[in-house]
Protein backbone atom coordinates (compact mmCIF):
# COMPACT_ATOMS: atom_id res chain seq x y z
CA MET A 1 6.37 -1.43 17.21
CA PRO A 2 5.60 -0.23 13.64
CA ASP A 3 2.48 1.74 12.72
CA PRO A 4 -0.30 -0.81 12.13
CA ASP A 5 -1.80 1.54 9.51
CA HIS A 6 1.54 2.07 7.67
CA CYS A 7 1.09 5.85 7.54
CA THR A 8 3.88 6.98 9.88
CA ILE A 9 7.46 6.01 10.71
CA SER A 10 7.64 4.49 14.17
CA ALA A 11 10.21 5.43 16.83
CA THR A 12 11.93 2.05 16.36
CA GLU A 13 12.25 2.72 12.61
CA VAL A 14 13.29 6.39 12.63
CA SER A 15 17.00 5.65 13.08
CA ALA A 16 16.87 3.92 9.68
CA LEU A 17 16.41 7.36 8.10
CA PHE A 18 19.99 8.05 9.19
CA ASN A 19 21.23 4.49 8.57
CA ALA A 20 21.90 4.33 12.32
CA SER A 21 19.89 1.19 13.02
CA PRO A 22 21.52 -2.25 13.23
CA TYR A 23 18.24 -3.82 12.07
CA VAL A 24 16.78 -1.59 9.32
CA THR A 25 18.34 0.69 6.69
CA ARG A 26 16.77 3.56 4.78
CA TRP A 27 16.77 1.36 1.66
CA MET A 28 14.81 -1.34 3.50
CA LEU A 29 12.42 1.22 4.97
CA TYR A 30 11.80 2.64 1.48
CA HIS A 31 10.84 -0.76 0.12
CA LYS A 32 8.59 -1.39 3.10
CA PHE A 33 6.50 1.70 2.33
CA ALA A 34 6.89 1.65 -1.46
CA ASN A 35 6.60 -2.07 -2.17
CA GLY A 36 5.26 -3.72 0.97
CA LEU A 37 8.56 -5.32 1.98
CA VAL A 38 7.97 -7.44 5.07
CA MET A 39 10.90 -7.21 7.47
CA ASP A 40 11.44 -9.93 10.05
CA ASP A 41 13.74 -7.95 12.33
CA ALA A 42 11.09 -8.27 15.03
CA ALA A 43 10.80 -12.06 14.69
CA PRO A 44 10.21 -13.58 18.15
CA ASN A 45 13.20 -14.94 20.01
CA ALA A 46 13.94 -16.01 23.58
CA ARG A 47 15.49 -12.69 24.60
CA MET A 48 12.55 -10.69 23.26
CA ASP A 49 10.11 -13.01 25.02
CA TRP A 50 11.94 -12.64 28.33
CA GLY A 51 12.20 -8.89 27.85
CA LYS A 52 8.41 -8.65 27.50
CA LYS A 53 7.89 -10.88 30.54
CA MET A 54 10.26 -8.79 32.64
CA GLN A 55 8.94 -5.40 31.53
CA PRO A 56 6.20 -5.12 34.21
CA LEU A 57 8.74 -5.96 36.92
CA ILE A 58 11.17 -3.34 35.65
CA LEU A 59 8.40 -0.72 35.40
CA ALA A 60 7.49 -1.42 39.01
CA GLN A 61 11.16 -1.06 39.98
CA VAL A 62 11.39 2.30 38.18
CA ASP A 63 8.26 3.46 39.98
CA ALA A 64 9.77 2.54 43.32
CA GLU A 65 13.32 3.80 42.76
CA LYS A 66 12.43 7.06 41.01
CA ASP A 67 9.46 7.83 43.27
CA MET A 68 7.46 8.94 40.23
CA LYS A 69 4.20 7.70 38.84
CA VAL A 70 4.69 5.20 36.02
CA ILE A 71 1.77 4.64 33.63
CA PRO A 72 2.40 1.47 31.57
CA ASN A 73 1.17 1.30 27.98
CA ALA A 74 -0.62 -1.93 28.80
CA ASP A 75 -2.50 -2.28 25.51
CA ASP A 76 0.44 -1.16 23.29
CA THR A 77 -1.38 1.96 22.07
CA TYR A 78 0.30 3.54 19.05
CA VAL A 79 0.28 7.36 19.01
CA ARG A 80 1.06 9.66 16.08
CA ARG A 81 2.24 13.18 15.45
CA GLY A 82 2.57 14.21 11.83
CA LEU A 83 4.54 11.56 9.96
CA LEU A 84 6.05 10.04 13.10
CA GLY A 85 4.63 7.72 15.75
CA CYS A 86 5.53 5.43 18.61
CA THR A 87 4.40 2.71 20.99
CA ARG A 88 5.94 3.77 24.30
CA ASP A 89 6.59 1.24 27.03
CA ALA A 90 5.21 3.72 29.55
CA THR A 91 4.77 7.37 30.49
CA ILE A 92 6.50 8.58 33.65
CA ILE A 93 5.14 11.59 35.56
CA CYS A 94 7.57 13.95 37.31
CA PRO A 95 5.98 16.46 39.75
CA ASP A 96 8.26 19.26 38.53
CA ARG A 97 8.57 18.49 34.81
CA GLY A 98 5.35 16.73 33.94
CA PRO A 99 5.10 13.66 31.72
CA GLY A 100 8.10 11.99 30.11
CA ALA A 101 8.70 9.03 27.82
CA LEU A 102 9.92 5.85 29.51
CA GLU A 103 11.71 3.20 27.46
CA ILE A 104 12.71 -0.18 28.92
CA LYS A 105 15.70 -2.20 27.67
CA CYS A 106 17.07 -5.56 28.79
CA VAL A 107 20.72 -6.57 28.47
CA PHE A 108 21.25 -10.21 29.37
CA ASP A 109 25.05 -10.41 29.25
CA TYR A 110 27.98 -8.20 30.20
CA ALA A 111 29.64 -8.66 26.78
CA THR A 112 26.78 -6.76 25.11
CA TRP A 113 26.76 -4.21 27.94
CA MET A 114 30.47 -3.52 27.47
CA ASP A 115 30.39 -3.62 23.67
CA LYS A 116 27.17 -1.78 22.77
CA TRP A 117 26.70 0.39 25.87
CA HIS A 118 30.40 0.84 26.72
CA GLY A 119 29.73 -0.31 30.24
CA GLY A 120 27.09 2.38 30.76
CA ALA A 121 29.22 5.24 29.43
CA SER A 122 26.95 5.81 26.43
CA VAL A 123 23.63 4.79 24.90
CA PRO A 124 23.54 3.21 21.41
CA ARG A 125 22.65 5.91 18.89
CA HIS A 126 19.49 4.23 17.61
CA TYR A 127 18.09 4.14 21.15
CA GLU A 128 18.82 7.85 21.61
CA ILE A 129 16.92 8.59 18.37
CA GLN A 130 14.08 6.29 19.46
CA LEU A 131 13.64 8.11 22.78
CA GLN A 132 13.76 11.58 21.20
CA THR A 133 11.07 10.47 18.74
CA GLN A 134 8.90 9.21 21.59
CA MET A 135 9.35 12.54 23.38
CA TYR A 136 8.49 14.49 20.23
CA VAL A 137 5.34 12.46 19.53
CA GLY A 138 4.24 12.85 23.14
CA ASP A 139 0.51 12.54 23.85
CA ASP A 140 -2.10 12.74 21.10
CA ASN A 141 -4.65 14.33 23.44
CA PRO A 142 -6.32 17.07 21.30
CA GLU A 143 -6.72 19.25 24.39
CA PHE A 144 -2.95 19.73 24.70
CA ILE A 145 -1.48 22.83 23.00
CA ASN A 146 1.94 21.14 22.85
CA PRO A 147 1.63 17.36 23.06
CA SER A 148 5.39 16.72 23.20
CA TYR A 149 7.18 15.56 26.33
CA GLY A 150 10.03 17.68 27.62
CA TRP A 151 12.08 14.79 28.96
CA GLY A 152 12.56 11.05 28.75
CA LEU A 153 14.15 8.15 30.56
CA ILE A 154 15.80 4.91 29.38
CA ALA A 155 15.82 2.23 32.07
CA VAL A 156 18.19 -0.65 31.28
CA TRP A 157 18.06 -3.94 33.17
CA VAL A 158 21.56 -5.44 33.14
CA CYS A 159 21.99 -8.78 34.88
CA ALA A 160 19.72 -7.90 37.84
CA GLU A 161 20.70 -4.21 38.05
CA VAL A 162 18.74 -1.27 36.60
CA HIS A 163 20.67 1.63 35.07
CA TYR A 164 19.07 4.95 34.16
CA PHE A 165 19.77 7.39 31.32
CA GLU A 166 17.76 10.61 31.57
CA ARG A 167 17.46 12.85 28.52
CA GLN A 168 16.06 16.31 27.83
CA SER A 169 14.29 17.36 24.66
CA ILE A 170 16.46 18.45 21.72
CA PRO A 171 14.26 20.76 19.56
CA LYS A 172 16.82 20.95 16.74
CA MET A 173 16.82 17.17 16.53
CA TRP A 174 13.02 17.14 16.50
CA ASP A 175 13.10 19.54 13.53
CA ARG A 176 15.55 17.21 11.79
CA LEU A 177 13.31 14.20 12.44
CA ASP A 178 10.36 16.09 10.96
CA ARG A 179 12.31 17.07 7.83
CA GLU A 180 13.75 13.61 7.30
CA ALA A 181 10.31 12.00 7.61
CA TYR A 182 8.82 14.50 5.15
CA ASP A 183 11.67 13.98 2.65
CA PHE A 184 11.41 10.21 3.03
CA PHE A 185 7.70 10.05 2.20
CA ALA A 186 8.27 12.50 -0.68
CA ASP A 187 10.88 10.07 -2.05
CA VAL A 188 8.48 7.16 -1.66
CA LYS A 189 5.75 9.05 -3.52
CA ALA A 190 8.13 10.06 -6.31
CA GLY A 191 9.71 6.60 -6.57
CA ARG A 192 13.19 7.86 -5.67
CA GLU A 193 14.79 4.69 -4.35
CA PRO A 194 17.83 5.30 -2.10
CA ASP A 195 21.02 3.36 -2.68
CA ALA A 196 21.54 0.27 -0.60
CA TYR A 197 23.64 1.16 2.42
CA GLY A 198 25.70 -2.01 2.18
CA ALA A 199 24.73 -3.37 5.59
CA SER A 200 24.66 -7.15 5.84
CA VAL A 201 21.07 -6.95 7.12
CA GLU A 202 20.04 -5.85 3.61
CA ALA A 203 21.49 -8.91 1.86
CA PRO A 204 18.57 -11.36 2.39
CA TYR A 205 16.06 -8.80 1.11
CA VAL A 206 18.15 -7.89 -1.96
CA THR A 207 18.41 -11.60 -2.81
CA ALA A 208 14.70 -12.27 -2.29
CA MET A 209 13.42 -9.16 -4.08
CA PHE A 210 15.51 -9.49 -7.22
CA PRO A 211 15.93 -13.11 -8.42
CA THR A 212 18.73 -13.08 -10.98
CA ARG A 213 17.60 -13.79 -14.55
CA GLU A 214 20.16 -15.69 -16.57
CA GLY A 215 21.37 -13.71 -19.55
CA GLN A 216 19.97 -10.40 -18.27
CA VAL A 217 22.49 -7.54 -18.76
CA LEU A 218 22.46 -4.13 -17.07
CA ASP A 219 24.67 -1.90 -19.24
CA LEU A 220 26.00 1.10 -17.30
CA SER A 221 29.29 1.27 -19.19
CA ALA A 222 28.53 4.72 -20.63
CA ASP A 223 27.26 6.21 -17.36
CA PRO A 224 29.95 8.41 -15.76
CA GLU A 225 28.17 8.28 -12.41
CA HIS A 226 29.14 4.61 -12.14
CA VAL A 227 32.87 5.11 -12.45
CA THR A 228 32.84 4.87 -8.64
CA THR A 229 30.99 1.54 -8.96
CA SER A 230 33.83 0.29 -11.16
CA GLU A 231 36.20 1.20 -8.35
CA LEU A 232 33.94 -0.69 -5.92
CA VAL A 233 34.11 -3.87 -8.05
CA SER A 234 37.90 -3.63 -8.12
CA ALA A 235 38.00 -2.95 -4.40
CA LEU A 236 35.82 -5.99 -3.71
CA LYS A 237 38.48 -8.25 -5.17
CA ASP A 238 41.11 -6.61 -2.97
CA TYR A 239 38.87 -6.92 0.10
CA ARG A 240 38.44 -10.62 -0.59
CA ASP A 241 42.19 -11.07 -0.92
CA ILE A 242 42.63 -9.70 2.58
CA ALA A 243 39.25 -10.88 3.90
CA ALA A 244 40.60 -11.73 7.32
CA SER A 245 41.03 -8.03 8.12
CA HIS A 246 38.54 -6.47 5.71
CA GLY A 247 35.60 -8.89 5.77
CA LYS A 248 33.12 -6.14 6.73
CA LEU A 249 34.16 -3.94 3.79
CA ALA A 250 33.89 -6.91 1.43
CA ASP A 251 30.37 -7.71 2.64
CA GLU A 252 29.23 -4.08 2.37
CA SER A 253 30.55 -3.88 -1.19
CA ARG A 254 28.84 -7.16 -2.13
CA VAL A 255 25.45 -5.99 -0.87
CA LYS A 256 25.71 -2.63 -2.67
CA LEU A 257 26.59 -4.34 -5.95
CA LEU A 258 23.78 -6.89 -5.58
CA ALA A 259 21.28 -4.09 -4.98
CA LEU A 260 22.52 -2.23 -8.06
CA ALA A 261 22.23 -5.35 -10.25
CA ARG A 262 18.66 -6.08 -9.07
CA ASP A 263 17.65 -9.02 -11.33
CA ALA A 264 20.51 -8.71 -13.84
CA GLU A 265 23.09 -11.48 -14.14
CA LYS A 266 25.74 -9.18 -15.67
CA VAL A 267 26.49 -5.50 -15.04
CA LEU A 268 28.67 -3.58 -17.48
CA LEU A 269 30.47 -0.55 -16.04
CA PRO A 270 32.78 2.22 -17.25
CA CYS A 271 36.57 1.79 -17.46
CA GLY A 272 36.15 -1.75 -18.81
CA VAL A 273 35.03 -3.09 -15.42
CA SER A 274 32.08 -5.47 -15.15
CA TYR A 275 30.74 -8.13 -12.84
CA ARG A 276 28.47 -11.19 -12.77
CA VAL A 277 25.99 -12.24 -10.10
CA ARG A 278 26.34 -15.90 -9.15
CA LYS A 279 24.32 -18.08 -6.80
CA SER A 280 26.29 -19.07 -3.72
CA GLY A 281 24.63 -21.38 -1.21
CA LYS A 282 21.38 -19.67 -0.23
CA GLY A 283 22.56 -16.23 -1.36
CA LYS A 284 24.49 -14.54 -4.14
CA THR A 285 28.06 -13.52 -4.75
CA ILE A 286 29.81 -11.02 -7.05
CA VAL A 287 32.33 -12.18 -9.66
CA PRO A 288 34.32 -9.40 -11.40
CA TYR A 289 35.16 -10.21 -15.01
CA VAL A 290 36.45 -8.65 -18.23
CA PRO A 291 33.84 -8.70 -21.03
CA GLU A 292 34.90 -10.53 -24.15
CA GLN A 293 36.19 -8.16 -26.81
CA PRO A 294 35.55 -8.85 -30.51
CA THR A 295 38.58 -10.37 -32.20
CA ALA A 296 40.20 -7.81 -34.51
CA PRO A 297 40.87 -8.94 -38.11
CA PRO A 298 44.53 -9.57 -38.95
CA PRO A 299 46.30 -6.48 -40.31
CA THR A 300 46.44 -6.21 -44.12
CA LYS A 301 49.91 -6.12 -45.60
CA ASP A 302 50.75 -2.99 -47.56
CA ARG A 303 51.88 -4.39 -50.94
CA SER A 304 53.20 -1.02 -52.06
CA VAL A 305 55.84 -1.26 -49.34
CA LEU A 306 56.76 -4.84 -50.30
CA HIS A 307 57.39 -3.85 -53.90
CA ALA A 308 59.09 -0.55 -53.19
CA GLY A 309 62.69 -0.31 -54.19
């Protein structure tokens, strides 16, 4: 759950700082804080509704199986530490180690369990980052010298079975989270917009934020930093030619080029490469093209040569 006061990065958003989230990128997060971008990644759906309904049952199961006291966050209290914050599902109390962060996940099909969780062999990276952030934020009780939790637990309900992933604190990672959050808000304050990551989740926001204006030209043809963008335009054509095996690369390239164009219809790049932005269904597409060159006047005949002899 995001910070209702928009002054910290929540545990569910932190993975976007590393472009490790399947739902939010650093570019999207920047526009949320800089320009009020409203992201609908948390839009209600049946699985989310059932996950919320099942959460109390799973918390009770954790309490019983782990023989530890589980304190649910019944009113969804948001806690902060510095520039980071979180809404934990619950706090779990271990007699030997004290309080820990407890995060509940629901997986409703084995295909997702095998694909995203590798059958229980690993935890998706964004969930690992989320739990470490919750542990770092800890308890905002002013009486605590160190509010952070030293451990955490992810409890995953998978088709009527609960699997547990226990984690210890990683201080070096906490330092990294702190630095990334500080640098991020410094970028927001200075207006340093990050490049679009190229994830397909960015595409609807790029399209909505920057309506293309017919005739608008973004001339980057003399900018050496965009020689790599010229290569990207050329690569996009190749990706489309072999789209069956490179569809993901084609989509990433399209989103990056749309974000660069913003509201421009044409983008001129070095090396004679350029592209147009065209409407396609409800979105936009990229069309590489060669700018028209002025027609050179016909060569003038050298009369001195004609009359030489």
